[in-house]
Protein backbone atom coordinates (compact mmCIF):
# COMPACT_ATOMS: atom_id res chain seq x y z
CA MET A 1 -33.04 6.65 -33.44
CA SER A 2 -32.28 9.26 -36.08
CA ALA A 3 -35.09 10.93 -38.00
CA SER A 4 -34.21 9.11 -41.21
CA ARG A 5 -34.81 5.38 -41.45
CA VAL A 6 -32.42 5.15 -44.40
CA GLN A 7 -29.05 6.36 -43.20
CA ARG A 8 -26.64 7.78 -45.75
CA ALA A 9 -23.19 6.28 -45.79
CA LYS A 10 -20.17 7.96 -47.38
CA GLY A 11 -20.66 8.39 -51.11
CA GLY A 12 -24.43 8.68 -50.77
CA ALA A 13 -25.11 4.92 -50.62
CA ARG A 14 -28.13 3.79 -48.65
CA GLN A 15 -27.55 1.94 -45.38
CA LEU A 16 -30.65 -0.14 -44.66
CA ILE A 17 -31.79 -0.77 -41.10
CA PHE A 18 -34.48 -3.45 -41.37
CA ASN A 19 -34.37 -6.85 -43.04
CA ARG A 20 -37.55 -6.63 -45.13
CA PRO A 21 -37.56 -10.29 -46.35
CA GLN A 22 -37.29 -11.44 -42.74
CA LYS A 23 -40.09 -9.13 -41.65
CA ILE A 24 -42.32 -10.40 -44.47
CA ALA A 25 -41.56 -13.96 -43.28
CA HIS A 26 -42.62 -12.96 -39.75
CA LYS A 27 -45.92 -11.65 -41.11
CA GLN A 28 -46.40 -14.82 -43.18
CA ARG A 29 -46.18 -16.98 -40.05
CA ALA A 30 -48.37 -14.61 -38.02
CA ALA A 31 -51.21 -14.76 -40.58
CA GLU A 32 -52.79 -17.79 -38.89
CA PHE A 33 -53.46 -15.68 -35.76
CA LYS A 34 -55.29 -12.87 -37.58
CA GLU A 35 -58.62 -13.45 -35.81
CA GLY A 36 -57.00 -14.20 -32.47
CA PRO A 37 -56.81 -12.02 -29.35
CA SER A 38 -53.22 -10.96 -30.07
CA HIS A 39 -54.10 -9.18 -33.33
CA GLN A 40 -57.20 -7.68 -31.75
CA ALA A 41 -55.27 -6.33 -28.76
CA LEU A 42 -52.50 -4.72 -30.81
CA PHE A 43 -54.13 -3.63 -34.07
CA ASP A 44 -57.83 -2.98 -33.36
CA PHE A 45 -57.37 0.09 -31.13
CA PRO A 46 -55.26 2.13 -33.60
CA LEU A 47 -57.53 1.01 -36.43
CA MET A 48 -60.68 2.22 -34.68
CA ASN A 49 -58.91 5.48 -33.89
CA LEU A 50 -58.21 5.90 -37.62
CA VAL A 51 -61.86 5.13 -38.39
CA LYS A 52 -62.99 7.93 -36.07
CA ARG A 53 -60.60 10.37 -37.71
CA MET A 54 -61.78 9.32 -41.16
CA GLN A 55 -65.41 9.83 -40.16
CA GLY A 56 -64.52 13.37 -39.09
CA VAL A 57 -63.36 14.25 -42.62
CA LYS A 58 -66.31 15.71 -44.53
CA LYS A 59 -65.49 14.05 -47.83
CA GLU A 60 -66.54 10.99 -49.78
CA PHE A 61 -63.97 8.48 -50.96
CA LYS A 62 -64.57 6.31 -54.03
CA LYS A 63 -61.18 4.60 -54.25
CA ILE A 64 -59.52 3.53 -51.00
CA ALA A 65 -56.25 1.69 -50.33
CA PHE A 66 -55.83 0.10 -46.90
CA VAL A 67 -52.32 -0.97 -45.86
CA GLY A 68 -51.66 -3.24 -42.90
CA PRO A 69 -53.46 -5.75 -40.68
CA ASN A 70 -57.20 -6.15 -40.01
CA PRO A 71 -58.81 -4.61 -43.13
CA TYR A 72 -61.94 -6.65 -42.40
CA LEU A 73 -62.59 -4.55 -39.28
CA PHE A 74 -62.08 -1.35 -41.26
CA LEU A 75 -64.66 -2.48 -43.84
CA GLN A 76 -67.11 -3.08 -41.03
CA HIS A 77 -67.08 0.60 -40.05
CA LEU A 78 -67.09 2.44 -43.38
CA PRO A 79 -69.61 5.33 -43.28
CA LYS A 80 -72.83 4.46 -45.08
CA THR A 81 -72.70 7.76 -47.00
CA TYR A 82 -69.65 6.62 -48.98
CA GLU A 83 -70.20 5.23 -52.47
CA ILE A 84 -67.01 3.20 -52.76
CA ASP A 85 -66.10 1.82 -56.18
CA LYS A 86 -62.86 0.06 -55.28
CA PHE A 87 -61.32 -1.00 -51.98
CA TYR A 88 -57.75 -2.34 -52.08
CA PHE A 89 -56.38 -4.07 -48.99
CA CYS A 90 -52.61 -4.36 -49.15
CA GLU A 91 -49.94 -6.26 -47.24
CA SER A 92 -46.45 -7.40 -48.11
CA ALA A 93 -46.96 -11.02 -46.97
CA GLU A 94 -48.97 -13.11 -49.43
CA ARG A 95 -50.38 -15.40 -46.73
CA SER A 96 -51.57 -12.37 -44.75
CA VAL A 97 -53.49 -11.08 -47.77
CA GLU A 98 -54.97 -14.53 -48.41
CA LYS A 99 -56.09 -14.88 -44.79
CA SER A 100 -57.65 -11.40 -44.76
CA HIS A 101 -59.43 -12.24 -48.02
CA GLU A 102 -60.85 -15.42 -46.46
CA ILE A 103 -62.17 -13.46 -43.47
CA ILE A 104 -63.65 -10.70 -45.65
CA SER A 105 -65.31 -13.22 -47.98
CA GLU A 106 -66.89 -15.01 -45.03
CA ARG A 107 -68.19 -11.80 -43.50
CA ALA A 108 -69.39 -10.36 -46.82
CA LYS A 109 -71.50 -13.33 -47.92
CA GLU A 110 -75.29 -13.18 -47.68
CA GLY A 111 -76.34 -13.51 -44.05
CA GLY A 112 -72.77 -12.86 -42.90
CA LEU A 113 -71.52 -10.33 -40.37
CA TYR A 114 -71.47 -7.40 -42.80
CA ASP A 115 -75.03 -8.19 -43.84
CA LYS A 116 -76.21 -8.35 -40.23
CA LEU A 117 -74.49 -5.05 -39.41
CA ARG A 118 -75.72 -3.49 -42.66
CA ALA A 119 -72.16 -2.49 -43.40
CA ASN A 120 -71.33 -0.37 -46.43
CA VAL A 121 -69.55 -3.00 -48.52
CA PRO A 122 -67.62 -1.50 -51.51
CA ASN A 123 -68.57 -2.46 -55.05
CA GLU A 124 -65.21 -4.13 -55.61
CA ILE A 125 -62.85 -5.50 -52.94
CA ILE A 126 -59.36 -6.18 -54.31
CA PRO A 127 -56.69 -8.18 -52.40
CA THR A 128 -53.25 -6.76 -53.19
CA VAL A 129 -49.85 -8.22 -52.34
CA ILE A 130 -47.48 -5.26 -52.39
CA ASP A 131 -44.41 -4.19 -50.44
CA GLU A 132 -45.33 -0.79 -49.06
CA ALA A 133 -41.63 -0.23 -48.33
CA ASP A 134 -40.92 -0.06 -52.08
CA PRO A 135 -42.09 3.33 -53.46
CA GLU A 136 -41.57 2.25 -57.10
CA GLN A 137 -43.68 -0.87 -56.62
CA TRP A 138 -46.40 1.20 -54.95
CA LEU A 139 -46.55 3.76 -57.77
CA SER A 140 -46.58 1.04 -60.43
CA LYS A 141 -49.75 -0.32 -58.82
CA PHE A 142 -51.26 3.01 -57.80
CA PRO A 143 -50.11 5.71 -60.25
CA THR A 144 -50.38 9.45 -59.69
CA ASP A 145 -53.86 10.78 -58.85
CA SER A 146 -55.45 7.31 -58.62
CA LEU A 147 -56.68 7.11 -54.99
CA ASP A 148 -58.99 9.24 -52.83
CA LEU A 149 -57.87 7.86 -49.47
CA ILE A 150 -54.92 5.84 -48.14
CA VAL A 151 -55.11 4.30 -44.67
CA SER A 152 -51.98 2.70 -43.20
CA ASN A 153 -52.48 0.76 -39.96
CA CYS A 154 -49.37 -0.16 -37.93
CA SER A 155 -47.07 -1.02 -40.84
CA MET A 156 -44.87 2.06 -41.33
CA HIS A 157 -42.51 1.34 -38.43
CA TRP A 158 -40.84 -1.48 -40.42
CA VAL A 159 -40.15 0.67 -43.50
CA ASN A 160 -36.54 1.64 -44.23
CA ASP A 161 -37.15 4.63 -46.51
CA LEU A 162 -40.21 6.00 -44.73
CA GLU A 163 -39.88 9.41 -46.36
CA GLY A 164 -39.88 7.78 -49.80
CA THR A 165 -42.92 5.65 -48.94
CA LEU A 166 -44.90 8.65 -47.68
CA THR A 167 -43.97 10.59 -50.81
CA ALA A 168 -45.25 7.70 -52.95
CA TYR A 169 -48.48 7.71 -50.96
CA ARG A 170 -48.81 11.45 -51.57
CA ASP A 171 -48.20 11.05 -55.31
CA SER A 172 -50.85 8.34 -55.71
CA LEU A 173 -53.55 10.49 -54.07
CA ILE A 174 -55.82 12.75 -56.09
CA PRO A 175 -55.57 16.50 -55.30
CA ASP A 176 -57.17 17.05 -51.87
CA GLY A 177 -56.89 13.29 -51.23
CA VAL A 178 -56.33 12.19 -47.63
CA PHE A 179 -53.67 10.06 -45.95
CA LEU A 180 -54.36 8.54 -42.53
CA GLY A 181 -51.74 6.48 -40.75
CA SER A 182 -50.71 4.87 -37.49
CA ALA A 183 -47.32 3.51 -36.48
CA ILE A 184 -45.93 1.79 -33.42
CA GLY A 185 -43.24 3.99 -31.88
CA GLY A 186 -42.26 6.05 -28.85
CA ASP A 187 -41.42 3.97 -25.75
CA THR A 188 -42.98 0.74 -27.02
CA LEU A 189 -41.35 -2.35 -25.45
CA GLN A 190 -38.91 -0.19 -23.47
CA GLU A 191 -39.23 -2.53 -20.46
CA LEU A 192 -38.32 -5.59 -22.53
CA ARG A 193 -35.35 -3.75 -24.05
CA ILE A 194 -34.04 -2.85 -20.58
CA CYS A 195 -34.41 -6.40 -19.24
CA LEU A 196 -32.79 -8.07 -22.25
CA ASN A 197 -29.88 -5.62 -22.09
CA LEU A 198 -29.38 -6.33 -18.38
CA ALA A 199 -29.52 -10.09 -18.94
CA GLU A 200 -27.09 -9.94 -21.89
CA SER A 201 -24.68 -7.72 -20.01
CA GLU A 202 -24.62 -10.04 -17.01
CA ARG A 203 -24.33 -13.30 -18.97
CA ASP A 204 -22.51 -12.34 -22.17
CA GLY A 205 -20.46 -9.31 -21.13
CA GLY A 206 -22.13 -6.92 -23.57
CA VAL A 207 -25.40 -5.89 -25.18
CA SER A 208 -26.87 -6.14 -28.68
CA PRO A 209 -29.94 -4.56 -30.32
CA THR A 210 -32.53 -7.16 -29.24
CA VAL A 211 -35.53 -4.85 -29.74
CA SER A 212 -35.95 -2.84 -32.93
CA PRO A 213 -35.53 0.95 -32.58
CA MET A 214 -38.71 3.01 -32.48
CA LEU A 215 -39.51 6.34 -34.08
CA SER A 216 -40.25 9.15 -31.66
CA LEU A 217 -43.07 11.62 -32.17
CA THR A 218 -40.49 14.24 -33.21
CA ASP A 219 -38.86 11.85 -35.71
CA MET A 220 -42.21 11.06 -37.31
CA GLY A 221 -43.19 14.72 -37.44
CA ASN A 222 -39.93 15.65 -39.16
CA ILE A 223 -40.26 12.86 -41.73
CA PHE A 224 -43.92 13.60 -42.38
CA SER A 225 -43.24 17.29 -42.95
CA ARG A 226 -40.52 16.45 -45.51
CA SER A 227 -42.39 13.71 -47.36
CA GLY A 228 -43.70 15.47 -50.42
CA HIS A 229 -45.58 18.47 -49.09
CA PHE A 230 -48.62 17.03 -47.35
CA ASN A 231 -50.85 19.96 -46.49
CA LEU A 232 -52.29 20.53 -43.00
CA PRO A 233 -50.16 17.71 -41.50
CA THR A 234 -50.99 16.58 -37.97
CA VAL A 235 -49.03 14.12 -35.84
CA ASP A 236 -49.94 12.97 -32.32
CA ILE A 237 -49.27 10.06 -29.98
CA THR A 238 -51.37 7.85 -27.71
CA HIS A 239 -49.94 5.91 -24.76
CA MET A 240 -51.15 2.46 -23.75
CA GLN A 241 -50.04 -0.34 -21.45
CA LEU A 242 -50.47 -4.04 -22.15
CA GLU A 243 -50.62 -6.45 -19.21
CA PHE A 244 -49.36 -10.03 -19.39
CA THR A 245 -49.36 -12.83 -16.85
CA SER A 246 -45.70 -13.54 -17.59
CA THR A 247 -42.78 -12.50 -19.76
CA PHE A 248 -43.11 -15.74 -21.71
CA GLN A 249 -46.64 -14.74 -22.62
CA LEU A 250 -45.23 -11.43 -23.92
CA TYR A 251 -42.70 -13.37 -26.05
CA GLN A 252 -45.57 -15.46 -27.45
CA PHE A 253 -47.65 -12.33 -28.12
CA ILE A 254 -44.84 -10.68 -30.12
CA ARG A 255 -44.49 -13.77 -32.33
CA GLU A 256 -48.23 -14.06 -32.94
CA VAL A 257 -48.48 -10.48 -34.21
CA GLY A 258 -45.31 -10.77 -36.32
CA GLU A 259 -43.48 -7.97 -34.50
CA GLN A 260 -40.19 -9.76 -33.79
CA ASN A 261 -36.88 -7.97 -34.18
CA ALA A 262 -35.96 -7.60 -37.87
CA LEU A 263 -32.78 -5.53 -37.68
CA LEU A 264 -30.11 -6.33 -40.24
CA SER A 265 -27.41 -5.83 -37.60
CA LYS A 266 -28.99 -7.95 -34.87
CA ARG A 267 -27.26 -10.83 -33.11
CA LYS A 268 -27.83 -14.11 -34.96
CA ARG A 269 -28.76 -16.14 -31.92
CA ILE A 270 -29.46 -15.29 -28.30
CA PRO A 271 -29.17 -18.19 -25.83
CA GLU A 272 -32.39 -19.39 -24.23
CA SER A 273 -30.84 -18.82 -20.82
CA THR A 274 -30.62 -15.08 -21.61
CA PHE A 275 -34.36 -14.91 -22.32
CA ILE A 276 -35.07 -16.79 -19.08
CA ALA A 277 -32.85 -14.38 -17.14
CA ALA A 278 -34.57 -11.40 -18.80
CA ALA A 279 -37.95 -12.84 -17.77
CA ALA A 280 -36.85 -13.03 -14.14
CA ILE A 281 -35.65 -9.41 -14.24
CA TYR A 282 -38.86 -8.27 -15.96
CA GLU A 283 -41.11 -9.93 -13.39
CA THR A 284 -39.18 -8.18 -10.61
CA LEU A 285 -38.88 -4.66 -12.01
CA PHE A 286 -41.92 -4.09 -14.21
CA THR A 287 -45.05 -5.49 -12.61
CA LYS A 288 -48.30 -3.61 -12.24
CA LYS A 289 -47.64 -3.39 -8.51
CA THR A 290 -44.12 -1.95 -8.80
CA ILE A 291 -44.67 0.68 -11.51
CA GLY A 292 -48.46 1.10 -11.67
CA GLN A 293 -50.14 3.04 -14.43
CA ARG A 294 -48.01 5.35 -16.57
CA ASP A 295 -50.29 8.39 -16.11
CA GLU A 296 -53.97 9.26 -15.90
CA TYR A 297 -54.23 9.43 -19.70
CA THR A 298 -52.79 5.96 -20.35
CA SER A 299 -55.24 3.13 -21.01
CA SER A 300 -54.39 -0.40 -19.86
CA VAL A 301 -55.34 -3.62 -21.67
CA LEU A 302 -55.07 -7.05 -20.03
CA ILE A 303 -53.98 -9.77 -22.44
CA ASP A 304 -55.65 -12.55 -20.44
CA THR A 305 -56.96 -14.78 -23.23
CA LEU A 306 -53.64 -16.13 -24.51
CA LYS A 307 -52.73 -19.66 -23.50
CA ASP A 308 -49.48 -19.55 -21.56
CA VAL A 309 -47.85 -22.95 -22.00
CA TYR A 310 -44.95 -22.03 -19.73
CA MET A 311 -46.96 -21.53 -16.55
CA ASN A 312 -49.14 -23.90 -14.56
CA GLU A 313 -52.78 -23.18 -13.77
CA GLY A 314 -52.10 -22.12 -10.19
CA ILE A 315 -49.64 -19.40 -11.18
CA GLN A 316 -51.96 -18.12 -13.92
CA LYS A 317 -54.60 -17.35 -11.28
CA ARG A 318 -52.34 -15.06 -9.28
CA ASP A 319 -53.36 -11.51 -8.48
CA ARG A 320 -53.38 -8.97 -11.33
CA ASP A 321 -50.92 -6.81 -9.40
CA SER A 322 -48.28 -9.37 -10.35
CA ASN A 323 -48.93 -8.98 -14.07
CA ILE A 324 -46.07 -7.47 -16.04
CA ILE A 325 -46.54 -4.18 -17.88
CA SER A 326 -45.44 -3.46 -21.45
CA SER A 327 -45.57 0.06 -22.91
CA LEU A 328 -47.28 0.57 -26.26
CA ASP A 329 -47.17 3.98 -27.97
CA ILE A 330 -49.10 4.59 -31.19
CA ILE A 331 -48.26 7.58 -33.42
CA PHE A 332 -51.08 8.89 -35.63
CA LEU A 333 -50.74 10.98 -38.80
CA ILE A 334 -53.14 12.77 -41.10
CA GLY A 335 -52.40 14.95 -44.12
CA TRP A 336 -53.91 16.13 -47.40
CA LYS A 337 -52.45 16.30 -50.87
CA GLN A 338 -52.22 19.89 -52.05
CA HIS A 339 -55.25 21.54 -53.64
CA GLU A 340 -56.04 25.19 -54.26
CA SER A 341 -59.30 24.96 -52.27
CA GLN A 342 -57.47 24.19 -49.00
CA GLN A 343 -56.98 26.75 -46.26
CA LYS A 344 -53.62 28.49 -46.23
CA PRO A 345 -51.85 30.04 -43.24
CA LYS A 346 -51.53 33.81 -43.08
CA GLU A 347 -48.13 35.31 -43.84
CA ARG A 348 -45.98 36.34 -40.89
CA GLY A 349 -46.56 39.89 -39.74
CA THR A 350 -50.13 40.17 -41.04
CA ALA A 351 -51.84 39.82 -37.63
CA LYS A 352 -53.97 42.82 -36.63
CA PHE A 353 -53.62 42.35 -32.87
CA SER A 354 -51.21 40.83 -30.36
CA LEU A 355 -52.12 37.78 -28.27
CA LYS A 356 -50.23 39.41 -25.40
CA ASP A 357 -52.64 42.37 -25.53
CA VAL A 358 -55.63 40.02 -25.48
CA VAL A 359 -54.36 38.23 -22.35
CA GLN A 360 -53.66 41.56 -20.62
CA ASP A 361 -57.13 42.86 -21.49
CA LEU A 362 -58.81 39.71 -20.15
CA ASN A 363 -56.86 39.89 -16.90
CA GLU A 364 -57.81 43.54 -16.38
CA LYS A 365 -61.50 42.77 -16.89
CA GLU A 366 -61.50 39.68 -14.64
CA GLY A 367 -62.90 40.24 -11.14
CA ALA A 368 -61.50 39.03 -7.85
CA ILE A 369 -62.68 35.67 -6.45
CA ASP A 370 -62.33 35.04 -2.70
CA GLY A 371 -60.03 38.03 -2.42
CA GLU A 372 -57.64 36.73 -5.07
CA LYS A 373 -57.36 37.81 -8.65
CA HIS A 374 -57.29 34.80 -10.97
CA GLN A 375 -55.16 35.68 -13.95
CA ILE A 376 -54.30 34.03 -17.22
CA LYS A 377 -50.58 33.37 -17.05
CA TYR A 378 -48.11 32.80 -19.82
CA GLY A 379 -44.39 32.22 -19.87
CA VAL A 380 -41.98 29.32 -19.37
CA ILE A 381 -41.95 26.71 -16.61
CA ILE A 382 -38.52 25.26 -15.84
CA ASP A 383 -37.87 22.12 -13.78
CA ASP A 384 -34.78 23.12 -11.79
CA GLY A 385 -33.92 19.97 -9.88
CA ASP A 386 -35.99 19.83 -6.70
CA GLU A 387 -38.25 22.78 -7.47
CA VAL A 388 -40.22 24.05 -10.41
CA LYS A 389 -39.71 27.72 -11.22
CA GLU A 390 -42.04 29.88 -13.26
CA ILE A 391 -40.53 32.66 -15.32
CA GLN A 392 -43.16 35.17 -16.34
CA LYS A 393 -42.72 37.33 -19.39
């Protein structure tokens, strides 16, 4: 996918990619599963990662806006040193906000979960129905210099004008305010995309965009760097794998978290037989036994608590090696609104020594071990077909 989520047609008109009303409807229907294992499996990990990053920022935040699912978990882990005046939790689907408010109210009451955990509950918790994909609507609710911290958890990947949304976030922050975000992207659901394309091609003689396009790490980095001059921007990606007992369980999971395809240009209806054929392909090509773990840095989560109405009890007890694998990549962002107190990079050409000289000096001083001299190497490694070549500079 291109780096811009809002493509420019001839004449400068905007060409939208996602059907926002449909996506909001998906989230409305998914609200009833907010405390279920599906939401926990998909949204809790990136949220806890954002919490850790927030705790590493040596600042206090008095006004916080949280965008996306599971704000009740975020509230549970707010540092006790914060003196929070106002906490806004925002989603575009009204039912999602209402359900989150019900959960928060239950946990915040006397003797509730927050009380037992001695959580740092803000002075004022404000449910907010707002479309984060509309920069004007955001700024009308949160004007310039009104927030200390904005946290966006797994909601940016459905935004058409992502650059505009990030710029609005930047504008609503106070100077030196912080933005923390996560977005689903990378190779997420690549296995399902492949299987649906194969099934469509075989049965219908062509393919259609059955899985929404995902932003790559490079795309997100380019957009973030252009979105209103966030200072000290950092973008990184984490790889995960979700395991399911069947492809039908994966279909059910996607519906329960409200992550169905919402492309404007998608096919109106795909025959049930195509989904069944895709399931057969999936369970042949992409099982834990056939592809294994992605790499040593990829964590794997078994979604084994969902009721699979399509499979009998005997099949559900089969060996875990037969579980299907689904890729999940989460992109994380952090940036600060400009302030004169922030560190600034040195101008080019002002360095007083060369890194090349440092490496050479270290190598000269290093002794031999077992008759070999272990050196610090630098240069370029090129994968040339069957062999990897190192070109030293």
